[in-house]
Amino acid sequence: MEKTFWNIYKTFFKVGTLLLGGGYVILPLLQSELVDKKGWATHDELCEFYALGQSLPGIIAANMSIFVGYKLLRQKGAFAAASGIITPAFLTIILIAKILEELINLKFIQSIFWGVGIGVVILILLAVKEMWNKSVVDKFTMTVFMTAFILSCFNVSPVFVIISSAVAGVIYKYFSNKRRGCEE
């Protein structure tokens, strides 16, 4: 089969439709399509492309398809292969999103989310109770808590509240340790 843009795209589209289970499945699929059926690559080349694809950030299947496509038809081949491998997943995500959009409007599903929301609120309250028992243990920690709570009510950035609380804790611990050192 001729190494054209369209043939590369179709081949990688076919592989992309069968690519369930992540990038580890791509090696035997490409072995079958590119080495056995088309003769576009050797087994050793695929293994090298696979190793390179794993060493780069991103999706192994996309990385590997870019290497193979580049070998076949340079930049055009890399684009064709990457587009082909990504298109089935892209179309599947769009289809699932459309189905979920329809499902989310069903009263039954909304009732489920309402119930889950109540459960989440209860879990958060239990976490707060647990943290309260371990964190607010004296006047200082109560003061830090009340200050953080009041700042949060006035829409002060949570980052500022957390950093300020941490700094207050470090300063308090430093001076309380220094005071203990003087008493001994």
C-alpha atoms as a PDB file:
ATOM      1  CA  MET A   1       0.000   0.000   0.000  1.00  0.00           C
ATOM      2  CA  GLU A   2       1.250   3.443  -0.931  1.00  0.00           C
ATOM      3  CA  LYS A   3       2.461   5.786   1.838  1.00  0.00           C
ATOM      4  CA  THR A   4       0.080   8.702   1.212  1.00  0.00           C
ATOM      5  CA  PHE A   5      -1.372  11.167   3.708  1.00  0.00           C
ATOM      6  CA  TRP A   6      -4.807   9.581   3.367  1.00  0.00           C
ATOM      7  CA  ASN A   7      -3.551   5.997   3.738  1.00  0.00           C
ATOM      8  CA  ILE A   8      -1.531   6.895   6.830  1.00  0.00           C
ATOM      9  CA  TYR A   9      -4.543   8.662   8.333  1.00  0.00           C
ATOM     10  CA  LYS A  10      -6.856   5.696   7.625  1.00  0.00           C
ATOM     11  CA  THR A  11      -4.380   3.199   9.061  1.00  0.00           C
ATOM     12  CA  PHE A  12      -3.920   5.130  12.293  1.00  0.00           C
ATOM     13  CA  PHE A  13      -7.654   5.855  12.503  1.00  0.00           C
ATOM     14  CA  LYS A  14      -8.247   2.096  12.362  1.00  0.00           C
ATOM     15  CA  VAL A  15      -5.670   1.515  15.094  1.00  0.00           C
ATOM     16  CA  GLY A  16      -7.207   4.358  17.150  1.00  0.00           C
ATOM     17  CA  THR A  17     -10.645   2.716  17.031  1.00  0.00           C
ATOM     18  CA  LEU A  18      -9.179  -0.510  18.426  1.00  0.00           C
ATOM     19  CA  LEU A  19      -7.006   1.212  21.033  1.00  0.00           C
ATOM     20  CA  LEU A  20      -8.785   0.305  24.250  1.00  0.00           C
ATOM     21  CA  GLY A  21      -6.785   0.027  27.437  1.00  0.00           C
ATOM     22  CA  GLY A  22      -4.260   2.774  26.867  1.00  0.00           C
ATOM     23  CA  GLY A  23      -0.990   3.114  25.059  1.00  0.00           C
ATOM     24  CA  TYR A  24       0.346  -0.328  25.988  1.00  0.00           C
ATOM     25  CA  VAL A  25      -2.057  -1.922  23.516  1.00  0.00           C
ATOM     26  CA  ILE A  26      -0.697   0.057  20.571  1.00  0.00           C
ATOM     27  CA  LEU A  27       2.446  -2.011  20.000  1.00  0.00           C
ATOM     28  CA  PRO A  28       0.733  -5.252  18.907  1.00  0.00           C
ATOM     29  CA  LEU A  29      -1.836  -3.283  16.883  1.00  0.00           C
ATOM     30  CA  LEU A  30       0.852  -1.353  15.020  1.00  0.00           C
ATOM     31  CA  GLN A  31       2.880  -4.546  14.615  1.00  0.00           C
ATOM     32  CA  SER A  32      -0.070  -6.121  12.843  1.00  0.00           C
ATOM     33  CA  GLU A  33      -0.921  -3.094  10.678  1.00  0.00           C
ATOM     34  CA  LEU A  34       2.471  -1.590   9.854  1.00  0.00           C
ATOM     35  CA  VAL A  35       4.862  -4.540   9.899  1.00  0.00           C
ATOM     36  CA  ASP A  36       2.781  -7.576   8.963  1.00  0.00           C
ATOM     37  CA  LYS A  37       0.184  -6.091   6.598  1.00  0.00           C
ATOM     38  CA  LYS A  38       1.785  -3.007   5.030  1.00  0.00           C
ATOM     39  CA  GLY A  39       5.545  -3.426   5.515  1.00  0.00           C
ATOM     40  CA  TRP A  40       5.900   0.266   6.410  1.00  0.00           C
ATOM     41  CA  ALA A  41       8.131  -0.377   9.448  1.00  0.00           C
ATOM     42  CA  THR A  42      10.152  -3.105  11.095  1.00  0.00           C
ATOM     43  CA  HIS A  43       9.503  -4.634  14.480  1.00  0.00           C
ATOM     44  CA  ASP A  44      12.739  -3.103  15.815  1.00  0.00           C
ATOM     45  CA  GLU A  45      11.701   0.380  14.630  1.00  0.00           C
ATOM     46  CA  LEU A  46       8.348   0.042  16.383  1.00  0.00           C
ATOM     47  CA  CYS A  47      10.055  -1.009  19.607  1.00  0.00           C
ATOM     48  CA  GLU A  48      12.377   2.007  19.397  1.00  0.00           C
ATOM     49  CA  PHE A  49       9.452   4.357  18.665  1.00  0.00           C
ATOM     50  CA  TYR A  50       7.575   2.825  21.595  1.00  0.00           C
ATOM     51  CA  ALA A  51      10.503   3.416  23.955  1.00  0.00           C
ATOM     52  CA  LEU A  52      10.835   7.014  22.724  1.00  0.00           C
ATOM     53  CA  GLY A  53       7.072   7.542  23.068  1.00  0.00           C
ATOM     54  CA  GLN A  54       7.190   6.403  26.677  1.00  0.00           C
ATOM     55  CA  SER A  55      10.081   8.698  27.512  1.00  0.00           C
ATOM     56  CA  LEU A  56       8.210  11.830  26.372  1.00  0.00           C
ATOM     57  CA  PRO A  57       5.345  13.523  28.186  1.00  0.00           C
ATOM     58  CA  GLY A  58       1.922  12.908  26.734  1.00  0.00           C
ATOM     59  CA  ILE A  59      -0.032  10.002  25.395  1.00  0.00           C
ATOM     60  CA  ILE A  60       2.150   7.069  24.328  1.00  0.00           C
ATOM     61  CA  ALA A  61      -0.096   6.247  21.352  1.00  0.00           C
ATOM     62  CA  ALA A  62       0.043   9.798  20.012  1.00  0.00           C
ATOM     63  CA  ASN A  63       3.803  10.081  20.557  1.00  0.00           C
ATOM     64  CA  MET A  64       4.445   6.786  18.831  1.00  0.00           C
ATOM     65  CA  SER A  65       2.154   7.612  15.910  1.00  0.00           C
ATOM     66  CA  ILE A  66       4.040  10.868  15.350  1.00  0.00           C
ATOM     67  CA  PHE A  67       7.356   8.990  15.153  1.00  0.00           C
ATOM     68  CA  VAL A  68       5.988   6.385  12.750  1.00  0.00           C
ATOM     69  CA  GLY A  69       4.211   8.999  10.622  1.00  0.00           C
ATOM     70  CA  TYR A  70       7.365  11.100  10.434  1.00  0.00           C
ATOM     71  CA  LYS A  71       9.330   8.079   9.247  1.00  0.00           C
ATOM     72  CA  LEU A  72       6.745   7.415   6.535  1.00  0.00           C
ATOM     73  CA  LEU A  73       6.060  10.903   5.145  1.00  0.00           C
ATOM     74  CA  ARG A  74       7.938  13.446   7.299  1.00  0.00           C
ATOM     75  CA  GLN A  75       5.789  16.303   8.715  1.00  0.00           C
ATOM     76  CA  LYS A  76       2.723  15.374   6.654  1.00  0.00           C
ATOM     77  CA  GLY A  77       2.975  11.782   7.831  1.00  0.00           C
ATOM     78  CA  ALA A  78       3.395  12.809  11.459  1.00  0.00           C
ATOM     79  CA  PHE A  79       0.299  15.006  11.199  1.00  0.00           C
ATOM     80  CA  ALA A  80      -1.714  12.302   9.421  1.00  0.00           C
ATOM     81  CA  ALA A  81      -0.752   9.627  11.951  1.00  0.00           C
ATOM     82  CA  ALA A  82      -1.375  11.806  15.003  1.00  0.00           C
ATOM     83  CA  SER A  83      -4.704  13.008  13.611  1.00  0.00           C
ATOM     84  CA  GLY A  84      -5.726   9.472  12.769  1.00  0.00           C
ATOM     85  CA  ILE A  85      -4.901   8.045  16.181  1.00  0.00           C
ATOM     86  CA  ILE A  86      -6.626  10.914  18.039  1.00  0.00           C
ATOM     87  CA  THR A  87      -9.809  11.238  15.944  1.00  0.00           C
ATOM     88  CA  PRO A  88     -11.625   8.115  17.244  1.00  0.00           C
ATOM     89  CA  ALA A  89     -11.082   9.119  20.878  1.00  0.00           C
ATOM     90  CA  PHE A  90     -12.151  12.688  20.105  1.00  0.00           C
ATOM     91  CA  LEU A  91     -15.356  11.506  18.417  1.00  0.00           C
ATOM     92  CA  THR A  92     -16.084   9.099  21.273  1.00  0.00           C
ATOM     93  CA  ILE A  93     -15.700  11.873  23.848  1.00  0.00           C
ATOM     94  CA  ILE A  94     -18.078  14.104  21.886  1.00  0.00           C
ATOM     95  CA  LEU A  95     -20.626  11.274  21.683  1.00  0.00           C
ATOM     96  CA  ILE A  96     -20.353  10.494  25.398  1.00  0.00           C
ATOM     97  CA  ALA A  97     -20.654  14.201  26.255  1.00  0.00           C
ATOM     98  CA  LYS A  98     -23.816  14.446  24.159  1.00  0.00           C
ATOM     99  CA  ILE A  99     -25.300  11.380  25.853  1.00  0.00           C
ATOM    100  CA  LEU A 100     -24.381  12.721  29.308  1.00  0.00           C
ATOM    101  CA  GLU A 101     -25.904  16.083  28.417  1.00  0.00           C
ATOM    102  CA  GLU A 102     -29.189  14.317  27.703  1.00  0.00           C
ATOM    103  CA  LEU A 103     -28.949  12.135  30.813  1.00  0.00           C
ATOM    104  CA  ILE A 104     -28.187  15.025  33.156  1.00  0.00           C
ATOM    105  CA  ASN A 105     -31.572  16.587  32.408  1.00  0.00           C
ATOM    106  CA  LEU A 106     -33.523  13.508  33.520  1.00  0.00           C
ATOM    107  CA  LYS A 107     -35.323  13.999  36.856  1.00  0.00           C
ATOM    108  CA  PHE A 108     -34.094  10.626  38.086  1.00  0.00           C
ATOM    109  CA  ILE A 109     -30.436  11.580  37.495  1.00  0.00           C
ATOM    110  CA  GLN A 110     -30.957  14.989  39.123  1.00  0.00           C
ATOM    111  CA  SER A 111     -32.401  13.207  42.179  1.00  0.00           C
ATOM    112  CA  ILE A 112     -29.312  10.994  42.323  1.00  0.00           C
ATOM    113  CA  PHE A 113     -27.025  14.050  42.224  1.00  0.00           C
ATOM    114  CA  TRP A 114     -29.098  15.725  44.944  1.00  0.00           C
ATOM    115  CA  GLY A 115     -28.682  12.657  47.164  1.00  0.00           C
ATOM    116  CA  VAL A 116     -24.969  12.464  46.439  1.00  0.00           C
ATOM    117  CA  GLY A 117     -24.675  16.189  47.255  1.00  0.00           C
ATOM    118  CA  ILE A 118     -26.233  15.615  50.678  1.00  0.00           C
ATOM    119  CA  GLY A 119     -23.841  12.714  51.254  1.00  0.00           C
ATOM    120  CA  VAL A 120     -20.864  14.899  50.336  1.00  0.00           C
ATOM    121  CA  VAL A 121     -21.987  17.609  52.780  1.00  0.00           C
ATOM    122  CA  ILE A 122     -22.218  15.018  55.555  1.00  0.00           C
ATOM    123  CA  LEU A 123     -18.747  13.671  54.726  1.00  0.00           C
ATOM    124  CA  ILE A 124     -17.325  17.198  54.794  1.00  0.00           C
ATOM    125  CA  LEU A 125     -18.941  17.843  58.195  1.00  0.00           C
ATOM    126  CA  LEU A 126     -17.474  14.588  59.542  1.00  0.00           C
ATOM    127  CA  ALA A 127     -14.039  15.596  58.229  1.00  0.00           C
ATOM    128  CA  VAL A 128     -14.389  19.030  59.867  1.00  0.00           C
ATOM    129  CA  LYS A 129     -15.374  17.366  63.164  1.00  0.00           C
ATOM    130  CA  GLU A 130     -12.359  15.057  62.995  1.00  0.00           C
ATOM    131  CA  MET A 131      -9.980  17.899  62.109  1.00  0.00           C
ATOM    132  CA  TRP A 132     -11.505  20.127  64.807  1.00  0.00           C
ATOM    133  CA  ASN A 133     -10.764  17.559  67.526  1.00  0.00           C
ATOM    134  CA  LYS A 134      -7.130  17.307  66.406  1.00  0.00           C
ATOM    135  CA  SER A 135      -6.432  20.916  65.415  1.00  0.00           C
ATOM    136  CA  VAL A 136      -8.254  23.323  67.737  1.00  0.00           C
ATOM    137  CA  VAL A 137      -6.666  22.395  71.065  1.00  0.00           C
ATOM    138  CA  ASP A 138      -5.916  25.688  72.845  1.00  0.00           C
ATOM    139  CA  LYS A 139      -6.573  29.466  72.796  1.00  0.00           C
ATOM    140  CA  PHE A 140      -4.004  30.119  70.066  1.00  0.00           C
ATOM    141  CA  THR A 141      -5.404  27.523  67.651  1.00  0.00           C
ATOM    142  CA  MET A 142      -8.947  28.804  68.368  1.00  0.00           C
ATOM    143  CA  THR A 143      -7.762  32.343  67.543  1.00  0.00           C
ATOM    144  CA  VAL A 144      -6.177  31.185  64.271  1.00  0.00           C
ATOM    145  CA  PHE A 145      -9.348  29.277  63.388  1.00  0.00           C
ATOM    146  CA  MET A 146     -11.655  32.227  64.114  1.00  0.00           C
ATOM    147  CA  THR A 147      -9.411  34.619  62.172  1.00  0.00           C
ATOM    148  CA  ALA A 148      -9.269  32.257  59.188  1.00  0.00           C
ATOM    149  CA  PHE A 149     -13.044  31.758  59.329  1.00  0.00           C
ATOM    150  CA  ILE A 150     -13.751  35.493  59.427  1.00  0.00           C
ATOM    151  CA  LEU A 151     -11.294  36.175  56.579  1.00  0.00           C
ATOM    152  CA  SER A 152     -12.965  33.439  54.529  1.00  0.00           C
ATOM    153  CA  CYS A 153     -16.385  35.028  55.124  1.00  0.00           C
ATOM    154  CA  PHE A 154     -15.037  38.246  53.583  1.00  0.00           C
ATOM    155  CA  ASN A 155     -13.865  36.404  50.440  1.00  0.00           C
ATOM    156  CA  VAL A 156     -10.167  36.684  51.265  1.00  0.00           C
ATOM    157  CA  SER A 157      -8.127  34.337  49.069  1.00  0.00           C
ATOM    158  CA  PRO A 158      -7.837  30.841  50.580  1.00  0.00           C
ATOM    159  CA  VAL A 159      -4.154  30.854  49.600  1.00  0.00           C
ATOM    160  CA  PHE A 160      -3.591  33.952  51.753  1.00  0.00           C
ATOM    161  CA  VAL A 161      -5.554  32.434  54.652  1.00  0.00           C
ATOM    162  CA  ILE A 162      -3.571  29.187  54.560  1.00  0.00           C
ATOM    163  CA  ILE A 163      -0.167  30.864  54.228  1.00  0.00           C
ATOM    164  CA  SER A 164      -1.001  33.372  56.985  1.00  0.00           C
ATOM    165  CA  SER A 165      -2.155  30.573  59.288  1.00  0.00           C
ATOM    166  CA  ALA A 166       1.027  28.606  58.596  1.00  0.00           C
ATOM    167  CA  VAL A 167       3.220  31.654  59.279  1.00  0.00           C
ATOM    168  CA  ALA A 168       1.316  32.354  62.507  1.00  0.00           C
ATOM    169  CA  GLY A 169       1.846  28.736  63.588  1.00  0.00           C
ATOM    170  CA  VAL A 170       5.576  28.848  62.846  1.00  0.00           C
ATOM    171  CA  ILE A 171       6.004  32.139  64.738  1.00  0.00           C
ATOM    172  CA  TYR A 172       3.953  30.859  67.696  1.00  0.00           C
ATOM    173  CA  LYS A 173       5.948  27.619  67.855  1.00  0.00           C
ATOM    174  CA  TYR A 174       9.250  29.504  67.605  1.00  0.00           C
ATOM    175  CA  PHE A 175       8.441  31.836  70.514  1.00  0.00           C
ATOM    176  CA  SER A 176       6.885  29.103  72.655  1.00  0.00           C
ATOM    177  CA  ASN A 177      10.007  26.944  72.207  1.00  0.00           C
ATOM    178  CA  LYS A 178      12.228  29.948  72.971  1.00  0.00           C
ATOM    179  CA  ARG A 179      10.207  30.672  76.110  1.00  0.00           C
ATOM    180  CA  ARG A 180      10.532  27.045  77.237  1.00  0.00           C
ATOM    181  CA  GLY A 181      14.301  27.235  76.640  1.00  0.00           C
ATOM    182  CA  CYS A 182      14.563  30.283  78.936  1.00  0.00           C
ATOM    183  CA  GLU A 183      12.552  28.587  81.708  1.00  0.00           C
ATOM    184  CA  GLU A 184      14.834  25.534  81.858  1.00  0.00           C
END
